[in-house]
């Protein structure tokens, strides 16, 4: 059962990342998408971050929305004035979420072992 749930989350993350990549490309660039290594690297990064954001959305709706909003900072086409300056914000937000989640989990494990 757990394997099916994770597979469903992975498929949702892939679909969200494909929609995001295509949507940004259609709205801001207008060109065709070429299947090269840059596309697959972007797909992997967006899918991983979308998977984590979906997990955050299940835990808390506001946290999930913040994580999804921070994914938009990765695309230089959306914010052309800040090209290359906003992606660290995304990684810091995701690192904060993951360390908070890990800290809570370790605290609960420590507290139950007493």
PDB file of N, CA and C in Angstrom:
ATOM      1  N   UNK A   1       0.819  -1.196   0.000  1.00  0.00           N
ATOM      2  CA  UNK A   1       0.000   0.000   0.000  1.00  0.00           C
ATOM      3  C   UNK A   1       0.865   1.263   0.000  1.00  0.00           C
ATOM      4  N   UNK A   2       1.911   1.272   0.832  1.00  0.00           N
ATOM      5  CA  UNK A   2       2.773   2.434   0.909  1.00  0.00           C
ATOM      6  C   UNK A   2       3.487   2.680  -0.413  1.00  0.00           C
ATOM      7  N   UNK A   3       3.845   1.596  -1.088  1.00  0.00           N
ATOM      8  CA  UNK A   3       4.516   1.729  -2.380  1.00  0.00           C
ATOM      9  C   UNK A   3       3.596   2.390  -3.403  1.00  0.00           C
ATOM     10  N   UNK A   4       2.314   2.059  -3.392  1.00  0.00           N
ATOM     11  CA  UNK A   4       1.359   2.665  -4.319  1.00  0.00           C
ATOM     12  C   UNK A   4       1.149   4.148  -4.028  1.00  0.00           C
ATOM     13  N   UNK A   5       1.143   4.508  -2.748  1.00  0.00           N
ATOM     14  CA  UNK A   5       0.964   5.914  -2.380  1.00  0.00           C
ATOM     15  C   UNK A   5       2.168   6.728  -2.838  1.00  0.00           C
ATOM     16  N   UNK A   6       3.373   6.202  -2.621  1.00  0.00           N
ATOM     17  CA  UNK A   6       4.570   6.922  -3.057  1.00  0.00           C
ATOM     18  C   UNK A   6       4.634   7.026  -4.572  1.00  0.00           C
ATOM     19  N   UNK A   7       4.222   5.967  -5.275  1.00  0.00           N
ATOM     20  CA  UNK A   7       4.210   6.012  -6.739  1.00  0.00           C
ATOM     21  C   UNK A   7       3.222   7.067  -7.228  1.00  0.00           C
ATOM     22  N   UNK A   8       2.090   7.174  -6.553  1.00  0.00           N
ATOM     23  CA  UNK A   8       1.104   8.192  -6.918  1.00  0.00           C
ATOM     24  C   UNK A   8       1.663   9.597  -6.683  1.00  0.00           C
ATOM     25  N   UNK A   9       2.390   9.779  -5.579  1.00  0.00           N
ATOM     26  CA  UNK A   9       3.007  11.087  -5.316  1.00  0.00           C
ATOM     27  C   UNK A   9       4.074  11.413  -6.356  1.00  0.00           C
ATOM     28  N   UNK A  10       4.845  10.419  -6.749  1.00  0.00           N
ATOM     29  CA  UNK A  10       5.884  10.637  -7.761  1.00  0.00           C
ATOM     30  C   UNK A  10       5.241  11.012  -9.092  1.00  0.00           C
ATOM     31  N   UNK A  11       4.167  10.339  -9.464  1.00  0.00           N
ATOM     32  CA  UNK A  11       3.478  10.669 -10.713  1.00  0.00           C
ATOM     33  C   UNK A  11       2.866  12.072 -10.653  1.00  0.00           C
ATOM     34  N   UNK A  12       2.298  12.438  -9.509  1.00  0.00           N
ATOM     35  CA  UNK A  12       1.760  13.794  -9.360  1.00  0.00           C
ATOM     36  C   UNK A  12       2.869  14.825  -9.483  1.00  0.00           C
ATOM     37  N   UNK A  13       4.017  14.546  -8.864  1.00  0.00           N
ATOM     38  CA  UNK A  13       5.148  15.482  -8.931  1.00  0.00           C
ATOM     39  C   UNK A  13       5.653  15.612 -10.360  1.00  0.00           C
ATOM     40  N   UNK A  14       5.709  14.513 -11.105  1.00  0.00           N
ATOM     41  CA  UNK A  14       6.132  14.569 -12.510  1.00  0.00           C
ATOM     42  C   UNK A  14       5.163  15.393 -13.343  1.00  0.00           C
ATOM     43  N   UNK A  15       3.877  15.185 -13.125  1.00  0.00           N
ATOM     44  CA  UNK A  15       2.867  15.928 -13.885  1.00  0.00           C
ATOM     45  C   UNK A  15       2.939  17.420 -13.547  1.00  0.00           C
ATOM     46  N   UNK A  16       3.074  17.741 -12.269  1.00  0.00           N
ATOM     47  CA  UNK A  16       3.170  19.148 -11.864  1.00  0.00           C
ATOM     48  C   UNK A  16       4.401  19.794 -12.485  1.00  0.00           C
ATOM     49  N   UNK A  17       5.525  19.086 -12.477  1.00  0.00           N
ATOM     50  CA  UNK A  17       6.751  19.665 -13.034  1.00  0.00           C
ATOM     51  C   UNK A  17       6.658  19.823 -14.550  1.00  0.00           C
ATOM     52  N   UNK A  18       6.053  18.868 -15.229  1.00  0.00           N
ATOM     53  CA  UNK A  18       5.866  19.008 -16.680  1.00  0.00           C
ATOM     54  C   UNK A  18       4.940  20.169 -17.008  1.00  0.00           C
ATOM     55  N   UNK A  19       3.861  20.316 -16.236  1.00  0.00           N
ATOM     56  CA  UNK A  19       2.946  21.437 -16.452  1.00  0.00           C
ATOM     57  C   UNK A  19       3.660  22.762 -16.192  1.00  0.00           C
ATOM     58  N   UNK A  20       4.464  22.803 -15.143  1.00  0.00           N
ATOM     59  CA  UNK A  20       5.181  24.040 -14.836  1.00  0.00           C
ATOM     60  C   UNK A  20       6.189  24.382 -15.928  1.00  0.00           C
ATOM     61  N   UNK A  21       6.956  23.398 -16.370  1.00  0.00           N
ATOM     62  CA  UNK A  21       7.952  23.650 -17.415  1.00  0.00           C
ATOM     63  C   UNK A  21       7.278  24.082 -18.706  1.00  0.00           C
ATOM     64  N   UNK A  22       6.218  23.383 -19.107  1.00  0.00           N
ATOM     65  CA  UNK A  22       5.501  23.746 -20.334  1.00  0.00           C
ATOM     66  C   UNK A  22       4.795  25.087 -20.198  1.00  0.00           C
ATOM     67  N   UNK A  23       4.196  25.338 -19.039  1.00  0.00           N
ATOM     68  CA  UNK A  23       3.488  26.597 -18.844  1.00  0.00           C
ATOM     69  C   UNK A  23       4.410  27.803 -18.904  1.00  0.00           C
ATOM     70  N   UNK A  24       5.547  27.702 -18.253  1.00  0.00           N
ATOM     71  CA  UNK A  24       6.515  28.800 -18.294  1.00  0.00           C
ATOM     72  C   UNK A  24       7.047  28.983 -19.705  1.00  0.00           C
ATOM     73  N   UNK A  25       7.291  27.873 -20.393  1.00  0.00           N
ATOM     74  CA  UNK A  25       7.807  27.959 -21.757  1.00  0.00           C
ATOM     75  C   UNK A  25       6.786  28.596 -22.695  1.00  0.00           C
ATOM     76  N   UNK A  26       5.528  28.234 -22.562  1.00  0.00           N
ATOM     77  CA  UNK A  26       4.496  28.786 -23.438  1.00  0.00           C
ATOM     78  C   UNK A  26       4.234  30.258 -23.122  1.00  0.00           C
ATOM     79  N   UNK A  27       4.152  30.596 -21.818  1.00  0.00           N
ATOM     80  CA  UNK A  27       3.817  31.971 -21.440  1.00  0.00           C
ATOM     81  C   UNK A  27       4.949  32.966 -21.683  1.00  0.00           C
ATOM     82  N   UNK A  28       6.179  32.570 -21.437  1.00  0.00           N
ATOM     83  CA  UNK A  28       7.263  33.542 -21.466  1.00  0.00           C
ATOM     84  C   UNK A  28       8.212  33.392 -22.651  1.00  0.00           C
ATOM     85  N   UNK A  29       8.357  32.190 -23.186  1.00  0.00           N
ATOM     86  CA  UNK A  29       9.314  31.984 -24.270  1.00  0.00           C
ATOM     87  C   UNK A  29       8.606  31.789 -25.602  1.00  0.00           C
ATOM     88  N   UNK A  30       7.592  30.951 -25.618  1.00  0.00           N
ATOM     89  CA  UNK A  30       6.831  30.722 -26.827  1.00  0.00           C
ATOM     90  C   UNK A  30       7.453  29.750 -27.798  1.00  0.00           C
ATOM     91  N   UNK A  31       8.630  29.233 -27.495  1.00  0.00           N
ATOM     92  CA  UNK A  31       9.300  28.299 -28.388  1.00  0.00           C
ATOM     93  C   UNK A  31       8.943  26.858 -28.060  1.00  0.00           C
ATOM     94  N   UNK A  32       9.397  25.981 -28.908  1.00  0.00           N
ATOM     95  CA  UNK A  32       9.179  24.557 -28.679  1.00  0.00           C
ATOM     96  C   UNK A  32      10.168  24.044 -27.647  1.00  0.00           C
ATOM     97  N   UNK A  33       9.755  23.011 -26.942  1.00  0.00           N
ATOM     98  CA  UNK A  33      10.637  22.388 -25.958  1.00  0.00           C
ATOM     99  C   UNK A  33      11.477  21.334 -26.667  1.00  0.00           C
ATOM    100  N   UNK A  34      12.772  21.425 -26.481  1.00  0.00           N
ATOM    101  CA  UNK A  34      13.666  20.430 -27.048  1.00  0.00           C
ATOM    102  C   UNK A  34      14.057  19.446 -25.953  1.00  0.00           C
ATOM    103  N   UNK A  35      14.073  18.190 -26.298  1.00  0.00           N
ATOM    104  CA  UNK A  35      14.418  17.156 -25.332  1.00  0.00           C
ATOM    105  C   UNK A  35      15.929  16.966 -25.316  1.00  0.00           C
ATOM    106  N   UNK A  36      16.588  17.745 -24.482  1.00  0.00           N
ATOM    107  CA  UNK A  36      18.031  17.625 -24.331  1.00  0.00           C
ATOM    108  C   UNK A  36      18.344  17.422 -22.854  1.00  0.00           C
ATOM    109  N   UNK A  37      19.614  17.435 -22.515  1.00  0.00           N
ATOM    110  CA  UNK A  37      19.994  17.172 -21.127  1.00  0.00           C
ATOM    111  C   UNK A  37      19.488  18.258 -20.179  1.00  0.00           C
ATOM    112  N   UNK A  38      19.424  19.497 -20.632  1.00  0.00           N
ATOM    113  CA  UNK A  38      18.905  20.576 -19.776  1.00  0.00           C
ATOM    114  C   UNK A  38      17.449  20.333 -19.397  1.00  0.00           C
ATOM    115  N   UNK A  39      16.666  19.839 -20.341  1.00  0.00           N
ATOM    116  CA  UNK A  39      15.265  19.546 -20.047  1.00  0.00           C
ATOM    117  C   UNK A  39      15.148  18.454 -18.992  1.00  0.00           C
ATOM    118  N   UNK A  40      15.930  17.392 -19.126  1.00  0.00           N
ATOM    119  CA  UNK A  40      15.832  16.285 -18.181  1.00  0.00           C
ATOM    120  C   UNK A  40      16.383  16.656 -16.799  1.00  0.00           C
ATOM    121  N   UNK A  41      17.402  17.489 -16.754  1.00  0.00           N
ATOM    122  CA  UNK A  41      17.897  17.967 -15.461  1.00  0.00           C
ATOM    123  C   UNK A  41      16.850  18.855 -14.794  1.00  0.00           C
ATOM    124  N   UNK A  42      16.232  19.745 -15.568  1.00  0.00           N
ATOM    125  CA  UNK A  42      15.164  20.594 -15.029  1.00  0.00           C
ATOM    126  C   UNK A  42      13.984  19.758 -14.557  1.00  0.00           C
ATOM    127  N   UNK A  43      13.630  18.747 -15.328  1.00  0.00           N
ATOM    128  CA  UNK A  43      12.528  17.871 -14.944  1.00  0.00           C
ATOM    129  C   UNK A  43      12.847  17.146 -13.642  1.00  0.00           C
ATOM    130  N   UNK A  44      14.071  16.695 -13.484  1.00  0.00           N
ATOM    131  CA  UNK A  44      14.466  16.006 -12.255  1.00  0.00           C
ATOM    132  C   UNK A  44      14.420  16.956 -11.054  1.00  0.00           C
ATOM    133  N   UNK A  45      14.925  18.158 -11.218  1.00  0.00           N
ATOM    134  CA  UNK A  45      14.931  19.125 -10.113  1.00  0.00           C
ATOM    135  C   UNK A  45      13.509  19.536  -9.746  1.00  0.00           C
ATOM    136  N   UNK A  46      12.712  19.898 -10.748  1.00  0.00           N
ATOM    137  CA  UNK A  46      11.329  20.309 -10.465  1.00  0.00           C
ATOM    138  C   UNK A  46      10.514  19.158  -9.890  1.00  0.00           C
ATOM    139  N   UNK A  47      10.729  17.941 -10.353  1.00  0.00           N
ATOM    140  CA  UNK A  47       9.988  16.796  -9.831  1.00  0.00           C
ATOM    141  C   UNK A  47      10.351  16.518  -8.376  1.00  0.00           C
ATOM    142  N   UNK A  48      11.631  16.592  -8.063  1.00  0.00           N
ATOM    143  CA  UNK A  48      12.057  16.364  -6.680  1.00  0.00           C
ATOM    144  C   UNK A  48      11.480  17.420  -5.751  1.00  0.00           C
ATOM    145  N   UNK A  49      11.581  18.672  -6.154  1.00  0.00           N
ATOM    146  CA  UNK A  49      11.045  19.740  -5.315  1.00  0.00           C
ATOM    147  C   UNK A  49       9.515  19.688  -5.228  1.00  0.00           C
ATOM    148  N   UNK A  50       8.858  19.281  -6.304  1.00  0.00           N
ATOM    149  CA  UNK A  50       7.398  19.139  -6.269  1.00  0.00           C
ATOM    150  C   UNK A  50       6.983  18.002  -5.349  1.00  0.00           C
ATOM    151  N   UNK A  51       7.754  16.924  -5.338  1.00  0.00           N
ATOM    152  CA  UNK A  51       7.466  15.801  -4.441  1.00  0.00           C
ATOM    153  C   UNK A  51       7.558  16.249  -2.987  1.00  0.00           C
ATOM    154  N   UNK A  52       8.600  16.989  -2.664  1.00  0.00           N
ATOM    155  CA  UNK A  52       8.758  17.502  -1.299  1.00  0.00           C
ATOM    156  C   UNK A  52       7.647  18.501  -0.971  1.00  0.00           C
ATOM    157  N   UNK A  53       7.275  19.343  -1.941  1.00  0.00           N
ATOM    158  CA  UNK A  53       6.202  20.317  -1.710  1.00  0.00           C
ATOM    159  C   UNK A  53       4.858  19.617  -1.522  1.00  0.00           C
ATOM    160  N   UNK A  54       4.620  18.541  -2.243  1.00  0.00           N
ATOM    161  CA  UNK A  54       3.387  17.777  -2.033  1.00  0.00           C
ATOM    162  C   UNK A  54       3.348  17.182  -0.633  1.00  0.00           C
ATOM    163  N   UNK A  55       4.479  16.699  -0.169  1.00  0.00           N
ATOM    164  CA  UNK A  55       4.545  16.166   1.183  1.00  0.00           C
ATOM    165  C   UNK A  55       4.297  17.281   2.202  1.00  0.00           C
ATOM    166  N   UNK A  56       4.881  18.439   1.977  1.00  0.00           N
ATOM    167  CA  UNK A  56       4.648  19.580   2.858  1.00  0.00           C
ATOM    168  C   UNK A  56       3.199  20.031   2.832  1.00  0.00           C
ATOM    169  N   UNK A  57       2.566  19.931   1.655  1.00  0.00           N
ATOM    170  CA  UNK A  57       1.153  20.306   1.531  1.00  0.00           C
ATOM    171  C   UNK A  57       0.264  19.358   2.329  1.00  0.00           C
ATOM    172  N   UNK A  58       0.650  18.087   2.381  1.00  0.00           N
ATOM    173  CA  UNK A  58      -0.120  17.133   3.186  1.00  0.00           C
ATOM    174  C   UNK A  58       0.005  17.433   4.675  1.00  0.00           C
ATOM    175  N   UNK A  59       1.183  17.893   5.094  1.00  0.00           N
ATOM    176  CA  UNK A  59       1.382  18.203   6.509  1.00  0.00           C
ATOM    177  C   UNK A  59       0.688  19.495   6.908  1.00  0.00           C
ATOM    178  N   UNK A  60       0.837  20.521   6.088  1.00  0.00           N
ATOM    179  CA  UNK A  60       0.270  21.834   6.391  1.00  0.00           C
ATOM    180  C   UNK A  60       0.042  22.552   5.063  1.00  0.00           C
ATOM    181  N   UNK A  61      -1.154  23.017   4.848  1.00  0.00           N
ATOM    182  CA  UNK A  61      -1.506  23.645   3.568  1.00  0.00           C
ATOM    183  C   UNK A  61      -0.674  24.900   3.299  1.00  0.00           C
ATOM    184  N   UNK A  62      -0.480  25.721   4.308  1.00  0.00           N
ATOM    185  CA  UNK A  62       0.281  26.949   4.125  1.00  0.00           C
ATOM    186  C   UNK A  62       1.746  26.660   3.777  1.00  0.00           C
ATOM    187  N   UNK A  63       2.329  25.684   4.460  1.00  0.00           N
ATOM    188  CA  UNK A  63       3.718  25.315   4.175  1.00  0.00           C
ATOM    189  C   UNK A  63       3.837  24.785   2.754  1.00  0.00           C
ATOM    190  N   UNK A  64       2.883  23.974   2.333  1.00  0.00           N
ATOM    191  CA  UNK A  64       2.900  23.452   0.969  1.00  0.00           C
ATOM    192  C   UNK A  64       2.785  24.544  -0.074  1.00  0.00           C
ATOM    193  N   UNK A  65       1.934  25.516   0.174  1.00  0.00           N
ATOM    194  CA  UNK A  65       1.795  26.625  -0.769  1.00  0.00           C
ATOM    195  C   UNK A  65       3.062  27.475  -0.839  1.00  0.00           C
ATOM    196  N   UNK A  66       3.699  27.678   0.312  1.00  0.00           N
ATOM    197  CA  UNK A  66       4.960  28.420   0.313  1.00  0.00           C
ATOM    198  C   UNK A  66       6.027  27.664  -0.456  1.00  0.00           C
ATOM    199  N   UNK A  67       6.074  26.361  -0.290  1.00  0.00           N
ATOM    200  CA  UNK A  67       7.049  25.553  -1.024  1.00  0.00           C
ATOM    201  C   UNK A  67       6.779  25.596  -2.528  1.00  0.00           C
ATOM    202  N   UNK A  68       5.515  25.481  -2.913  1.00  0.00           N
ATOM    203  CA  UNK A  68       5.183  25.560  -4.338  1.00  0.00           C
ATOM    204  C   UNK A  68       5.482  26.949  -4.900  1.00  0.00           C
ATOM    205  N   UNK A  69       5.207  27.989  -4.132  1.00  0.00           N
ATOM    206  CA  UNK A  69       5.507  29.342  -4.584  1.00  0.00           C
ATOM    207  C   UNK A  69       7.009  29.548  -4.751  1.00  0.00           C
ATOM    208  N   UNK A  70       7.787  28.957  -3.860  1.00  0.00           N
ATOM    209  CA  UNK A  70       9.234  29.136  -3.957  1.00  0.00           C
ATOM    210  C   UNK A  70       9.830  28.397  -5.153  1.00  0.00           C
ATOM    211  N   UNK A  71       9.140  27.407  -5.669  1.00  0.00           N
ATOM    212  CA  UNK A  71       9.622  26.710  -6.872  1.00  0.00           C
ATOM    213  C   UNK A  71       9.635  27.668  -8.064  1.00  0.00           C
ATOM    214  N   UNK A  72       8.748  28.642  -8.063  1.00  0.00           N
ATOM    215  CA  UNK A  72       8.721  29.589  -9.186  1.00  0.00           C
ATOM    216  C   UNK A  72       9.966  30.454  -9.241  1.00  0.00           C
ATOM    217  N   UNK A  73      10.712  30.555  -8.139  1.00  0.00           N
ATOM    218  CA  UNK A  73      11.939  31.354  -8.135  1.00  0.00           C
ATOM    219  C   UNK A  73      13.050  30.723  -8.966  1.00  0.00           C
ATOM    220  N   UNK A  74      12.911  29.464  -9.322  1.00  0.00           N
ATOM    221  CA  UNK A  74      13.965  28.787 -10.087  1.00  0.00           C
ATOM    222  C   UNK A  74      14.015  29.229 -11.541  1.00  0.00           C
ATOM    223  N   UNK A  75      12.886  29.582 -12.097  1.00  0.00           N
ATOM    224  CA  UNK A  75      12.831  29.921 -13.521  1.00  0.00           C
ATOM    225  C   UNK A  75      13.289  31.362 -13.757  1.00  0.00           C
ATOM    226  N   UNK A  76      14.318  31.547 -14.571  1.00  0.00           N
ATOM    227  CA  UNK A  76      14.767  32.922 -14.851  1.00  0.00           C
ATOM    228  C   UNK A  76      13.825  33.675 -15.790  1.00  0.00           C
ATOM    229  N   UNK A  77      12.913  32.963 -16.464  1.00  0.00           N
ATOM    230  CA  UNK A  77      11.980  33.624 -17.375  1.00  0.00           C
ATOM    231  C   UNK A  77      10.878  34.369 -16.633  1.00  0.00           C
ATOM    232  N   UNK A  78      10.518  33.903 -15.438  1.00  0.00           N
ATOM    233  CA  UNK A  78       9.434  34.541 -14.688  1.00  0.00           C
ATOM    234  C   UNK A  78       9.893  35.862 -14.091  1.00  0.00           C
ATOM    235  N   UNK A  79      11.105  35.882 -13.557  1.00  0.00           N
ATOM    236  CA  UNK A  79      11.661  37.088 -12.942  1.00  0.00           C
ATOM    237  C   UNK A  79      12.942  37.474 -13.693  1.00  0.00           C
ATOM    238  N   UNK A  80      12.816  38.131 -14.845  1.00  0.00           N
ATOM    239  CA  UNK A  80      14.019  38.417 -15.644  1.00  0.00           C
ATOM    240  C   UNK A  80      14.957  39.440 -15.001  1.00  0.00           C
ATOM    241  N   UNK A  81      14.445  40.303 -14.128  1.00  0.00           N
ATOM    242  CA  UNK A  81      15.315  41.289 -13.481  1.00  0.00           C
ATOM    243  C   UNK A  81      16.212  40.657 -12.421  1.00  0.00           C
ATOM    244  N   UNK A  82      15.800  39.501 -11.899  1.00  0.00           N
ATOM    245  CA  UNK A  82      16.550  38.830 -10.832  1.00  0.00           C
ATOM    246  C   UNK A  82      17.146  37.515 -11.319  1.00  0.00           C
ATOM    247  N   UNK A  83      17.569  37.460 -12.555  1.00  0.00           N
ATOM    248  CA  UNK A  83      18.073  36.217 -13.127  1.00  0.00           C
ATOM    249  C   UNK A  83      19.303  35.733 -12.350  1.00  0.00           C
ATOM    250  N   UNK A  84      19.183  34.524 -11.814  1.00  0.00           N
ATOM    251  CA  UNK A  84      20.280  33.916 -11.082  1.00  0.00           C
ATOM    252  C   UNK A  84      20.407  34.351  -9.637  1.00  0.00           C
ATOM    253  N   UNK A  85      19.493  35.176  -9.152  1.00  0.00           N
ATOM    254  CA  UNK A  85      19.588  35.658  -7.776  1.00  0.00           C
ATOM    255  C   UNK A  85      18.562  35.028  -6.836  1.00  0.00           C
ATOM    256  N   UNK A  86      17.483  34.459  -7.367  1.00  0.00           N
ATOM    257  CA  UNK A  86      16.409  33.969  -6.508  1.00  0.00           C
ATOM    258  C   UNK A  86      16.467  32.471  -6.218  1.00  0.00           C
ATOM    259  N   UNK A  87      17.243  31.710  -6.992  1.00  0.00           N
ATOM    260  CA  UNK A  87      17.217  30.274  -6.763  1.00  0.00           C
ATOM    261  C   UNK A  87      17.770  29.869  -5.387  1.00  0.00           C
ATOM    262  N   UNK A  88      18.715  30.620  -4.779  1.00  0.00           N
ATOM    263  CA  UNK A  88      19.123  30.240  -3.417  1.00  0.00           C
ATOM    264  C   UNK A  88      17.983  30.361  -2.405  1.00  0.00           C
ATOM    265  N   UNK A  89      17.046  31.266  -2.653  1.00  0.00           N
ATOM    266  CA  UNK A  89      15.897  31.398  -1.758  1.00  0.00           C
ATOM    267  C   UNK A  89      15.084  30.105  -1.753  1.00  0.00           C
ATOM    268  N   UNK A  90      14.905  29.524  -2.919  1.00  0.00           N
ATOM    269  CA  UNK A  90      14.167  28.262  -3.013  1.00  0.00           C
ATOM    270  C   UNK A  90      14.871  27.169  -2.238  1.00  0.00           C
ATOM    271  N   UNK A  91      16.158  27.051  -2.430  1.00  0.00           N
ATOM    272  CA  UNK A  91      16.890  25.988  -1.750  1.00  0.00           C
ATOM    273  C   UNK A  91      16.946  26.203  -0.245  1.00  0.00           C
ATOM    274  N   UNK A  92      17.003  27.451   0.199  1.00  0.00           N
ATOM    275  CA  UNK A  92      16.989  27.730   1.636  1.00  0.00           C
ATOM    276  C   UNK A  92      15.627  27.380   2.229  1.00  0.00           C
ATOM    277  N   UNK A  93      14.555  27.721   1.545  1.00  0.00           N
ATOM    278  CA  UNK A  93      13.213  27.391   2.034  1.00  0.00           C
ATOM    279  C   UNK A  93      13.036  25.886   2.136  1.00  0.00           C
ATOM    280  N   UNK A  94      13.475  25.154   1.122  1.00  0.00           N
ATOM    281  CA  UNK A  94      13.346  23.704   1.164  1.00  0.00           C
ATOM    282  C   UNK A  94      14.260  23.095   2.226  1.00  0.00           C
ATOM    283  N   UNK A  95      15.456  23.645   2.407  1.00  0.00           N
ATOM    284  CA  UNK A  95      16.355  23.146   3.447  1.00  0.00           C
ATOM    285  C   UNK A  95      15.762  23.393   4.833  1.00  0.00           C
ATOM    286  N   UNK A  96      15.148  24.564   5.030  1.00  0.00           N
ATOM    287  CA  UNK A  96      14.494  24.844   6.307  1.00  0.00           C
ATOM    288  C   UNK A  96      13.354  23.871   6.578  1.00  0.00           C
ATOM    289  N   UNK A  97      12.556  23.601   5.558  1.00  0.00           N
ATOM    290  CA  UNK A  97      11.452  22.657   5.734  1.00  0.00           C
ATOM    291  C   UNK A  97      11.976  21.268   6.074  1.00  0.00           C
ATOM    292  N   UNK A  98      12.987  20.804   5.343  1.00  0.00           N
ATOM    293  CA  UNK A  98      13.502  19.457   5.582  1.00  0.00           C
ATOM    294  C   UNK A  98      14.184  19.337   6.945  1.00  0.00           C
ATOM    295  N   UNK A  99      14.921  20.356   7.358  1.00  0.00           N
ATOM    296  CA  UNK A  99      15.555  20.278   8.675  1.00  0.00           C
ATOM    297  C   UNK A  99      14.525  20.388   9.797  1.00  0.00           C
ATOM    298  N   UNK A 100      13.482  21.178   9.609  1.00  0.00           N
ATOM    299  CA  UNK A 100      12.415  21.252  10.603  1.00  0.00           C
ATOM    300  C   UNK A 100      11.713  19.906  10.721  1.00  0.00           C
ATOM    301  N   UNK A 101      11.376  19.313   9.579  1.00  0.00           N
ATOM    302  CA  UNK A 101      10.706  18.010   9.582  1.00  0.00           C
ATOM    303  C   UNK A 101      11.597  16.951  10.221  1.00  0.00           C
ATOM    304  N   UNK A 102      12.874  16.935   9.873  1.00  0.00           N
ATOM    305  CA  UNK A 102      13.804  15.969  10.450  1.00  0.00           C
ATOM    306  C   UNK A 102      13.964  16.196  11.950  1.00  0.00           C
ATOM    307  N   UNK A 103      14.034  17.447  12.379  1.00  0.00           N
ATOM    308  CA  UNK A 103      14.153  17.754  13.799  1.00  0.00           C
ATOM    309  C   UNK A 103      12.953  17.288  14.599  1.00  0.00           C
ATOM    310  N   UNK A 104      11.759  17.518  14.088  1.00  0.00           N
ATOM    311  CA  UNK A 104      10.537  17.062  14.770  1.00  0.00           C
ATOM    312  C   UNK A 104      10.521  15.543  14.852  1.00  0.00           C
ATOM    313  N   UNK A 105      10.907  14.903  13.771  1.00  0.00           N
ATOM    314  CA  UNK A 105      10.922  13.433  13.745  1.00  0.00           C
ATOM    315  C   UNK A 105      11.948  12.875  14.732  1.00  0.00           C
ATOM    316  N   UNK A 106      13.136  13.460  14.778  1.00  0.00           N
ATOM    317  CA  UNK A 106      14.151  13.001  15.726  1.00  0.00           C
ATOM    318  C   UNK A 106      13.735  13.277  17.164  1.00  0.00           C
ATOM    319  N   UNK A 107      13.084  14.404  17.411  1.00  0.00           N
ATOM    320  CA  UNK A 107      12.607  14.720  18.750  1.00  0.00           C
ATOM    321  C   UNK A 107      11.563  13.704  19.206  1.00  0.00           C
ATOM    322  N   UNK A 108      10.626  13.359  18.334  1.00  0.00           N
ATOM    323  CA  UNK A 108       9.604  12.380  18.706  1.00  0.00           C
ATOM    324  C   UNK A 108      10.229  11.016  18.961  1.00  0.00           C
ATOM    325  N   UNK A 109      11.204  10.654  18.161  1.00  0.00           N
ATOM    326  CA  UNK A 109      11.888   9.366  18.355  1.00  0.00           C
ATOM    327  C   UNK A 109      12.653   9.364  19.664  1.00  0.00           C
ATOM    328  N   UNK A 110      13.316  10.458  19.978  1.00  0.00           N
ATOM    329  CA  UNK A 110      14.049  10.571  21.236  1.00  0.00           C
ATOM    330  C   UNK A 110      13.105  10.558  22.426  1.00  0.00           C
ATOM    331  N   UNK A 111      11.982  11.252  22.302  1.00  0.00           N
ATOM    332  CA  UNK A 111      11.037  11.365  23.414  1.00  0.00           C
ATOM    333  C   UNK A 111      10.382  10.022  23.726  1.00  0.00           C
ATOM    334  N   UNK A 112      10.116   9.211  22.699  1.00  0.00           N
ATOM    335  CA  UNK A 112       9.484   7.909  22.928  1.00  0.00           C
ATOM    336  C   UNK A 112      10.491   6.884  23.455  1.00  0.00           C
ATOM    337  N   UNK A 113      11.775   7.116  23.262  1.00  0.00           N
ATOM    338  CA  UNK A 113      12.769   6.153  23.715  1.00  0.00           C
ATOM    339  C   UNK A 113      13.138   6.353  25.195  1.00  0.00           C
ATOM    340  N   UNK A 114      12.669   7.420  25.812  1.00  0.00           N
ATOM    341  CA  UNK A 114      12.983   7.666  27.227  1.00  0.00           C
ATOM    342  C   UNK A 114      12.238   6.742  28.137  1.00  0.00           C
TER     343      UNK A 114
END
